[in-house]
Amino acid sequence: MPLEGLEIEDSSSPMDVHESRRIGTEIMNAIATLEPKRGQAVRAHLAGFSVHEIMEMQGWTYNTARNLIARGMADLRGALRKRGIHE
């Protein structure tokens, strides 16, 4: 599955490209394990949308969007740690 938005510099070595793709795949797999609303919030957040934009897109209150992002990101960090991907 191609990783949209993943830009790799031309000077990257084949190993760098492989590692970037591996990490991207691990992130996507970890996001897929999140509770659905948290996963939606995290995907939007990582795509660069603000809390306000996510709130409007999903029809959530500001606090709901903010909390889903915060808790989802914490869950994502934990899932990535379990997969051997560190911050």
PDB file of N, CA and C in Angstrom:
ATOM      1  N   MET A   1       0.862  -1.167   0.000  1.00  0.00           N
ATOM      2  CA  MET A   1       0.000   0.000   0.000  1.00  0.00           C
ATOM      3  C   MET A   1       0.907   1.228   0.000  1.00  0.00           C
ATOM      4  N   PRO A   2       0.770   2.120  -0.969  1.00  0.00           N
ATOM      5  CA  PRO A   2       1.607   3.324  -0.997  1.00  0.00           C
ATOM      6  C   PRO A   2       1.256   4.254   0.157  1.00  0.00           C
ATOM      7  N   LEU A   3       2.247   4.941   0.641  1.00  0.00           N
ATOM      8  CA  LEU A   3       2.059   5.881   1.734  1.00  0.00           C
ATOM      9  C   LEU A   3       1.938   7.272   1.152  1.00  0.00           C
ATOM     10  N   GLU A   4       0.726   7.760   1.060  1.00  0.00           N
ATOM     11  CA  GLU A   4       0.493   9.077   0.488  1.00  0.00           C
ATOM     12  C   GLU A   4       1.129  10.149   1.351  1.00  0.00           C
ATOM     13  N   GLY A   5       1.729  11.114   0.688  1.00  0.00           N
ATOM     14  CA  GLY A   5       2.310  12.244   1.401  1.00  0.00           C
ATOM     15  C   GLY A   5       3.703  11.987   1.937  1.00  0.00           C
ATOM     16  N   LEU A   6       4.214  10.757   1.787  1.00  0.00           N
ATOM     17  CA  LEU A   6       5.557  10.455   2.268  1.00  0.00           C
ATOM     18  C   LEU A   6       6.539  10.833   1.180  1.00  0.00           C
ATOM     19  N   GLU A   7       7.265  11.911   1.413  1.00  0.00           N
ATOM     20  CA  GLU A   7       8.235  12.376   0.434  1.00  0.00           C
ATOM     21  C   GLU A   7       9.624  11.978   0.898  1.00  0.00           C
ATOM     22  N   ILE A   8      10.364  11.383   0.004  1.00  0.00           N
ATOM     23  CA  ILE A   8      11.704  10.930   0.324  1.00  0.00           C
ATOM     24  C   ILE A   8      12.668  11.675  -0.583  1.00  0.00           C
ATOM     25  N   GLU A   9      13.695  12.259   0.012  1.00  0.00           N
ATOM     26  CA  GLU A   9      14.662  13.027  -0.758  1.00  0.00           C
ATOM     27  C   GLU A   9      15.392  12.123  -1.740  1.00  0.00           C
ATOM     28  N   ASP A  10      15.769  12.699  -2.886  1.00  0.00           N
ATOM     29  CA  ASP A  10      16.499  11.951  -3.908  1.00  0.00           C
ATOM     30  C   ASP A  10      17.817  11.413  -3.383  1.00  0.00           C
ATOM     31  N   SER A  11      18.409  12.079  -2.402  1.00  0.00           N
ATOM     32  CA  SER A  11      19.708  11.664  -1.868  1.00  0.00           C
ATOM     33  C   SER A  11      19.589  10.537  -0.846  1.00  0.00           C
ATOM     34  N   SER A  12      18.382  10.083  -0.575  1.00  0.00           N
ATOM     35  CA  SER A  12      18.192   9.016   0.399  1.00  0.00           C
ATOM     36  C   SER A  12      18.761   7.712  -0.132  1.00  0.00           C
ATOM     37  N   SER A  13      19.397   6.981   0.755  1.00  0.00           N
ATOM     38  CA  SER A  13      19.922   5.675   0.365  1.00  0.00           C
ATOM     39  C   SER A  13      18.763   4.682   0.299  1.00  0.00           C
ATOM     40  N   PRO A  14      18.945   3.580  -0.380  1.00  0.00           N
ATOM     41  CA  PRO A  14      17.894   2.563  -0.415  1.00  0.00           C
ATOM     42  C   PRO A  14      17.493   2.096   0.986  1.00  0.00           C
ATOM     43  N   MET A  15      18.463   2.027   1.900  1.00  0.00           N
ATOM     44  CA  MET A  15      18.142   1.622   3.281  1.00  0.00           C
ATOM     45  C   MET A  15      17.290   2.677   3.982  1.00  0.00           C
ATOM     46  N   ASP A  16      17.580   3.971   3.738  1.00  0.00           N
ATOM     47  CA  ASP A  16      16.774   5.046   4.321  1.00  0.00           C
ATOM     48  C   ASP A  16      15.344   4.985   3.799  1.00  0.00           C
ATOM     49  N   VAL A  17      15.210   4.746   2.504  1.00  0.00           N
ATOM     50  CA  VAL A  17      13.886   4.648   1.898  1.00  0.00           C
ATOM     51  C   VAL A  17      13.127   3.475   2.505  1.00  0.00           C
ATOM     52  N   HIS A  18      13.797   2.343   2.607  1.00  0.00           N
ATOM     53  CA  HIS A  18      13.165   1.150   3.186  1.00  0.00           C
ATOM     54  C   HIS A  18      12.725   1.414   4.628  1.00  0.00           C
ATOM     55  N   GLU A  19      13.600   2.028   5.418  1.00  0.00           N
ATOM     56  CA  GLU A  19      13.279   2.297   6.825  1.00  0.00           C
ATOM     57  C   GLU A  19      12.110   3.278   6.953  1.00  0.00           C
ATOM     58  N   SER A  20      12.095   4.316   6.121  1.00  0.00           N
ATOM     59  CA  SER A  20      10.988   5.280   6.151  1.00  0.00           C
ATOM     60  C   SER A  20       9.669   4.601   5.829  1.00  0.00           C
ATOM     61  N   ARG A  21       9.691   3.749   4.826  1.00  0.00           N
ATOM     62  CA  ARG A  21       8.465   3.024   4.454  1.00  0.00           C
ATOM     63  C   ARG A  21       8.037   2.071   5.548  1.00  0.00           C
ATOM     64  N   ARG A  22       8.997   1.390   6.160  1.00  0.00           N
ATOM     65  CA  ARG A  22       8.679   0.453   7.245  1.00  0.00           C
ATOM     66  C   ARG A  22       8.031   1.195   8.407  1.00  0.00           C
ATOM     67  N   ILE A  23       8.596   2.322   8.785  1.00  0.00           N
ATOM     68  CA  ILE A  23       8.037   3.104   9.889  1.00  0.00           C
ATOM     69  C   ILE A  23       6.654   3.623   9.521  1.00  0.00           C
ATOM     70  N   GLY A  24       6.495   4.102   8.295  1.00  0.00           N
ATOM     71  CA  GLY A  24       5.181   4.568   7.849  1.00  0.00           C
ATOM     72  C   GLY A  24       4.140   3.470   7.917  1.00  0.00           C
ATOM     73  N   THR A  25       4.517   2.275   7.521  1.00  0.00           N
ATOM     74  CA  THR A  25       3.605   1.133   7.582  1.00  0.00           C
ATOM     75  C   THR A  25       3.262   0.797   9.024  1.00  0.00           C
ATOM     76  N   GLU A  26       4.257   0.826   9.905  1.00  0.00           N
ATOM     77  CA  GLU A  26       4.010   0.558  11.330  1.00  0.00           C
ATOM     78  C   GLU A  26       3.054   1.591  11.923  1.00  0.00           C
ATOM     79  N   ILE A  27       3.222   2.852  11.543  1.00  0.00           N
ATOM     80  CA  ILE A  27       2.326   3.904  12.035  1.00  0.00           C
ATOM     81  C   ILE A  27       0.901   3.645  11.556  1.00  0.00           C
ATOM     82  N   MET A  28       0.753   3.337  10.273  1.00  0.00           N
ATOM     83  CA  MET A  28      -0.586   3.081   9.737  1.00  0.00           C
ATOM     84  C   MET A  28      -1.231   1.866  10.411  1.00  0.00           C
ATOM     85  N   ASN A  29      -0.442   0.809  10.627  1.00  0.00           N
ATOM     86  CA  ASN A  29      -0.967  -0.377  11.295  1.00  0.00           C
ATOM     87  C   ASN A  29      -1.358  -0.079  12.741  1.00  0.00           C
ATOM     88  N   ALA A  30      -0.550   0.737  13.417  1.00  0.00           N
ATOM     89  CA  ALA A  30      -0.860   1.094  14.808  1.00  0.00           C
ATOM     90  C   ALA A  30      -2.128   1.948  14.873  1.00  0.00           C
ATOM     91  N   ILE A  31      -2.289   2.876  13.935  1.00  0.00           N
ATOM     92  CA  ILE A  31      -3.504   3.704  13.912  1.00  0.00           C
ATOM     93  C   ILE A  31      -4.734   2.829  13.710  1.00  0.00           C
ATOM     94  N   ALA A  32      -4.600   1.788  12.899  1.00  0.00           N
ATOM     95  CA  ALA A  32      -5.730   0.891  12.632  1.00  0.00           C
ATOM     96  C   ALA A  32      -6.193   0.149  13.883  1.00  0.00           C
ATOM     97  N   THR A  33      -5.342   0.079  14.917  1.00  0.00           N
ATOM     98  CA  THR A  33      -5.727  -0.616  16.148  1.00  0.00           C
ATOM     99  C   THR A  33      -6.462   0.297  17.130  1.00  0.00           C
ATOM    100  N   LEU A  34      -6.469   1.596  16.854  1.00  0.00           N
ATOM    101  CA  LEU A  34      -7.113   2.548  17.766  1.00  0.00           C
ATOM    102  C   LEU A  34      -8.621   2.429  17.695  1.00  0.00           C
ATOM    103  N   GLU A  35      -9.285   2.837  18.762  1.00  0.00           N
ATOM    104  CA  GLU A  35     -10.740   2.950  18.772  1.00  0.00           C
ATOM    105  C   GLU A  35     -11.119   3.840  17.583  1.00  0.00           C
ATOM    106  N   PRO A  36     -12.186   3.520  16.850  1.00  0.00           N
ATOM    107  CA  PRO A  36     -12.484   4.233  15.594  1.00  0.00           C
ATOM    108  C   PRO A  36     -12.477   5.762  15.675  1.00  0.00           C
ATOM    109  N   LYS A  37     -13.120   6.354  16.669  1.00  0.00           N
ATOM    110  CA  LYS A  37     -13.139   7.818  16.747  1.00  0.00           C
ATOM    111  C   LYS A  37     -11.750   8.382  17.022  1.00  0.00           C
ATOM    112  N   ARG A  38     -10.997   7.702  17.858  1.00  0.00           N
ATOM    113  CA  ARG A  38      -9.625   8.154  18.117  1.00  0.00           C
ATOM    114  C   ARG A  38      -8.794   8.025  16.851  1.00  0.00           C
ATOM    115  N   GLY A  39      -8.984   6.949  16.109  1.00  0.00           N
ATOM    116  CA  GLY A  39      -8.257   6.765  14.865  1.00  0.00           C
ATOM    117  C   GLY A  39      -8.570   7.864  13.860  1.00  0.00           C
ATOM    118  N   GLN A  40      -9.844   8.236  13.753  1.00  0.00           N
ATOM    119  CA  GLN A  40     -10.233   9.319  12.847  1.00  0.00           C
ATOM    120  C   GLN A  40      -9.563  10.619  13.257  1.00  0.00           C
ATOM    121  N   ALA A  41      -9.595  10.905  14.547  1.00  0.00           N
ATOM    122  CA  ALA A  41      -9.008  12.146  15.052  1.00  0.00           C
ATOM    123  C   ALA A  41      -7.496  12.175  14.813  1.00  0.00           C
ATOM    124  N   VAL A  42      -6.826  11.064  15.068  1.00  0.00           N
ATOM    125  CA  VAL A  42      -5.379  10.995  14.892  1.00  0.00           C
ATOM    126  C   VAL A  42      -5.005  11.129  13.419  1.00  0.00           C
ATOM    127  N   ARG A  43      -5.711  10.432  12.530  1.00  0.00           N
ATOM    128  CA  ARG A  43      -5.409  10.534  11.101  1.00  0.00           C
ATOM    129  C   ARG A  43      -5.540  11.981  10.630  1.00  0.00           C
ATOM    130  N   ALA A  44      -6.613  12.646  11.051  1.00  0.00           N
ATOM    131  CA  ALA A  44      -6.814  14.046  10.651  1.00  0.00           C
ATOM    132  C   ALA A  44      -5.727  14.938  11.239  1.00  0.00           C
ATOM    133  N   HIS A  45      -5.389  14.716  12.497  1.00  0.00           N
ATOM    134  CA  HIS A  45      -4.342  15.499  13.162  1.00  0.00           C
ATOM    135  C   HIS A  45      -3.001  15.326  12.450  1.00  0.00           C
ATOM    136  N   LEU A  46      -2.649  14.089  12.131  1.00  0.00           N
ATOM    137  CA  LEU A  46      -1.377  13.832  11.459  1.00  0.00           C
ATOM    138  C   LEU A  46      -1.371  14.354  10.023  1.00  0.00           C
ATOM    139  N   ALA A  47      -2.558  14.524   9.447  1.00  0.00           N
ATOM    140  CA  ALA A  47      -2.664  15.101   8.104  1.00  0.00           C
ATOM    141  C   ALA A  47      -2.548  16.626   8.143  1.00  0.00           C
ATOM    142  N   GLY A  48      -2.492  17.192   9.352  1.00  0.00           N
ATOM    143  CA  GLY A  48      -2.270  18.623   9.482  1.00  0.00           C
ATOM    144  C   GLY A  48      -3.507  19.458   9.787  1.00  0.00           C
ATOM    145  N   PHE A  49      -4.649  18.806  10.029  1.00  0.00           N
ATOM    146  CA  PHE A  49      -5.856  19.557  10.349  1.00  0.00           C
ATOM    147  C   PHE A  49      -5.803  20.036  11.798  1.00  0.00           C
ATOM    148  N   SER A  50      -6.351  21.219  12.047  1.00  0.00           N
ATOM    149  CA  SER A  50      -6.400  21.778  13.401  1.00  0.00           C
ATOM    150  C   SER A  50      -7.541  21.127  14.178  1.00  0.00           C
ATOM    151  N   VAL A  51      -7.535  21.329  15.478  1.00  0.00           N
ATOM    152  CA  VAL A  51      -8.623  20.816  16.314  1.00  0.00           C
ATOM    153  C   VAL A  51      -9.950  21.382  15.818  1.00  0.00           C
ATOM    154  N   HIS A  52      -9.972  22.671  15.515  1.00  0.00           N
ATOM    155  CA  HIS A  52     -11.207  23.312  15.053  1.00  0.00           C
ATOM    156  C   HIS A  52     -11.688  22.670  13.743  1.00  0.00           C
ATOM    157  N   GLU A  53     -10.772  22.425  12.818  1.00  0.00           N
ATOM    158  CA  GLU A  53     -11.150  21.804  11.544  1.00  0.00           C
ATOM    159  C   GLU A  53     -11.669  20.385  11.745  1.00  0.00           C
ATOM    160  N   ILE A  54     -11.019  19.634  12.620  1.00  0.00           N
ATOM    161  CA  ILE A  54     -11.461  18.264  12.914  1.00  0.00           C
ATOM    162  C   ILE A  54     -12.838  18.286  13.561  1.00  0.00           C
ATOM    163  N   MET A  55     -13.037  19.214  14.471  1.00  0.00           N
ATOM    164  CA  MET A  55     -14.329  19.384  15.130  1.00  0.00           C
ATOM    165  C   MET A  55     -15.426  19.589  14.084  1.00  0.00           C
ATOM    166  N   GLU A  56     -15.175  20.484  13.151  1.00  0.00           N
ATOM    167  CA  GLU A  56     -16.180  20.784  12.124  1.00  0.00           C
ATOM    168  C   GLU A  56     -16.400  19.611  11.174  1.00  0.00           C
ATOM    169  N   MET A  57     -15.311  18.946  10.777  1.00  0.00           N
ATOM    170  CA  MET A  57     -15.430  17.811   9.843  1.00  0.00           C
ATOM    171  C   MET A  57     -16.242  16.670  10.447  1.00  0.00           C
ATOM    172  N   GLN A  58     -16.026  16.418  11.734  1.00  0.00           N
ATOM    173  CA  GLN A  58     -16.644  15.263  12.368  1.00  0.00           C
ATOM    174  C   GLN A  58     -17.954  15.580  13.088  1.00  0.00           C
ATOM    175  N   GLY A  59     -18.252  16.853  13.260  1.00  0.00           N
ATOM    176  CA  GLY A  59     -19.464  17.221  13.985  1.00  0.00           C
ATOM    177  C   GLY A  59     -19.331  17.024  15.488  1.00  0.00           C
ATOM    178  N   TRP A  60     -18.091  17.114  15.992  1.00  0.00           N
ATOM    179  CA  TRP A  60     -17.826  16.962  17.408  1.00  0.00           C
ATOM    180  C   TRP A  60     -17.722  18.337  18.051  1.00  0.00           C
ATOM    181  N   THR A  61     -17.817  18.372  19.382  1.00  0.00           N
ATOM    182  CA  THR A  61     -17.527  19.610  20.090  1.00  0.00           C
ATOM    183  C   THR A  61     -16.013  19.802  20.089  1.00  0.00           C
ATOM    184  N   TYR A  62     -15.575  21.013  20.398  1.00  0.00           N
ATOM    185  CA  TYR A  62     -14.145  21.299  20.449  1.00  0.00           C
ATOM    186  C   TYR A  62     -13.451  20.381  21.456  1.00  0.00           C
ATOM    187  N   ASN A  63     -14.036  20.268  22.657  1.00  0.00           N
ATOM    188  CA  ASN A  63     -13.411  19.438  23.700  1.00  0.00           C
ATOM    189  C   ASN A  63     -13.354  17.976  23.306  1.00  0.00           C
ATOM    190  N   THR A  64     -14.387  17.485  22.622  1.00  0.00           N
ATOM    191  CA  THR A  64     -14.376  16.093  22.173  1.00  0.00           C
ATOM    192  C   THR A  64     -13.244  15.876  21.179  1.00  0.00           C
ATOM    193  N   ALA A  65     -13.122  16.752  20.201  1.00  0.00           N
ATOM    194  CA  ALA A  65     -12.063  16.620  19.204  1.00  0.00           C
ATOM    195  C   ALA A  65     -10.689  16.685  19.864  1.00  0.00           C
ATOM    196  N   ARG A  66     -10.501  17.654  20.742  1.00  0.00           N
ATOM    197  CA  ARG A  66      -9.217  17.825  21.429  1.00  0.00           C
ATOM    198  C   ARG A  66      -8.870  16.590  22.254  1.00  0.00           C
ATOM    199  N   ASN A  67      -9.851  16.065  22.996  1.00  0.00           N
ATOM    200  CA  ASN A  67      -9.603  14.889  23.832  1.00  0.00           C
ATOM    201  C   ASN A  67      -9.335  13.640  22.999  1.00  0.00           C
ATOM    202  N   LEU A  68     -10.073  13.464  21.896  1.00  0.00           N
ATOM    203  CA  LEU A  68      -9.843  12.299  21.040  1.00  0.00           C
ATOM    204  C   LEU A  68      -8.456  12.349  20.418  1.00  0.00           C
ATOM    205  N   ILE A  69      -8.004  13.537  20.039  1.00  0.00           N
ATOM    206  CA  ILE A  69      -6.653  13.684  19.489  1.00  0.00           C
ATOM    207  C   ILE A  69      -5.625  13.343  20.568  1.00  0.00           C
ATOM    208  N   ALA A  70      -5.759  13.938  21.738  1.00  0.00           N
ATOM    209  CA  ALA A  70      -4.781  13.727  22.810  1.00  0.00           C
ATOM    210  C   ALA A  70      -4.726  12.266  23.231  1.00  0.00           C
ATOM    211  N   ARG A  71      -5.867  11.663  23.461  1.00  0.00           N
ATOM    212  CA  ARG A  71      -5.891  10.259  23.897  1.00  0.00           C
ATOM    213  C   ARG A  71      -5.459   9.330  22.771  1.00  0.00           C
ATOM    214  N   GLY A  72      -5.873   9.657  21.547  1.00  0.00           N
ATOM    215  CA  GLY A  72      -5.470   8.846  20.401  1.00  0.00           C
ATOM    216  C   GLY A  72      -3.971   8.891  20.169  1.00  0.00           C
ATOM    217  N   MET A  73      -3.367  10.075  20.300  1.00  0.00           N
ATOM    218  CA  MET A  73      -1.922  10.195  20.125  1.00  0.00           C
ATOM    219  C   MET A  73      -1.184   9.435  21.230  1.00  0.00           C
ATOM    220  N   ALA A  74      -1.706   9.480  22.460  1.00  0.00           N
ATOM    221  CA  ALA A  74      -1.094   8.718  23.547  1.00  0.00           C
ATOM    222  C   ALA A  74      -1.184   7.222  23.255  1.00  0.00           C
ATOM    223  N   ASP A  75      -2.336   6.774  22.777  1.00  0.00           N
ATOM    224  CA  ASP A  75      -2.498   5.362  22.409  1.00  0.00           C
ATOM    225  C   ASP A  75      -1.550   4.989  21.269  1.00  0.00           C
ATOM    226  N   LEU A  76      -1.418   5.882  20.296  1.00  0.00           N
ATOM    227  CA  LEU A  76      -0.530   5.630  19.161  1.00  0.00           C
ATOM    228  C   LEU A  76       0.918   5.503  19.620  1.00  0.00           C
ATOM    229  N   ARG A  77       1.355   6.415  20.487  1.00  0.00           N
ATOM    230  CA  ARG A  77       2.721   6.329  21.011  1.00  0.00           C
ATOM    231  C   ARG A  77       2.949   4.994  21.722  1.00  0.00           C
ATOM    232  N   GLY A  78       1.975   4.571  22.522  1.00  0.00           N
ATOM    233  CA  GLY A  78       2.091   3.291  23.224  1.00  0.00           C
ATOM    234  C   GLY A  78       2.148   2.117  22.259  1.00  0.00           C
ATOM    235  N   ALA A  79       1.306   2.150  21.236  1.00  0.00           N
ATOM    236  CA  ALA A  79       1.294   1.068  20.244  1.00  0.00           C
ATOM    237  C   ALA A  79       2.612   1.019  19.483  1.00  0.00           C
ATOM    238  N   LEU A  80       3.171   2.175  19.165  1.00  0.00           N
ATOM    239  CA  LEU A  80       4.434   2.219  18.436  1.00  0.00           C
ATOM    240  C   LEU A  80       5.593   1.730  19.314  1.00  0.00           C
ATOM    241  N   ARG A  81       5.551   2.081  20.610  1.00  0.00           N
ATOM    242  CA  ARG A  81       6.586   1.582  21.523  1.00  0.00           C
ATOM    243  C   ARG A  81       6.570   0.048  21.560  1.00  0.00           C
ATOM    244  N   LYS A  82       5.353  -0.523  21.617  1.00  0.00           N
ATOM    245  CA  LYS A  82       5.229  -1.989  21.640  1.00  0.00           C
ATOM    246  C   LYS A  82       5.774  -2.612  20.354  1.00  0.00           C
ATOM    247  N   ARG A  83       5.737  -1.865  19.262  1.00  0.00           N
ATOM    248  CA  ARG A  83       6.232  -2.338  17.961  1.00  0.00           C
ATOM    249  C   ARG A  83       7.718  -2.030  17.764  1.00  0.00           C
ATOM    250  N   GLY A  84       8.339  -1.424  18.775  1.00  0.00           N
ATOM    251  CA  GLY A  84       9.759  -1.122  18.688  1.00  0.00           C
ATOM    252  C   GLY A  84      10.087   0.188  17.985  1.00  0.00           C
ATOM    253  N   ILE A  85       9.070   1.026  17.782  1.00  0.00           N
ATOM    254  CA  ILE A  85       9.280   2.338  17.174  1.00  0.00           C
ATOM    255  C   ILE A  85       9.243   3.345  18.315  1.00  0.00           C
ATOM    256  N   HIS A  86      10.349   4.048  18.527  1.00  0.00           N
ATOM    257  CA  HIS A  86      10.444   4.986  19.648  1.00  0.00           C
ATOM    258  C   HIS A  86      10.347   6.414  19.161  1.00  0.00           C
ATOM    259  N   GLU A  87       9.929   7.299  20.063  1.00  0.00           N
ATOM    260  CA  GLU A  87       9.791   8.723  19.768  1.00  0.00           C
ATOM    261  C   GLU A  87      11.120   9.357  19.484  1.00  0.00           C
TER     262      GLU A  87
END
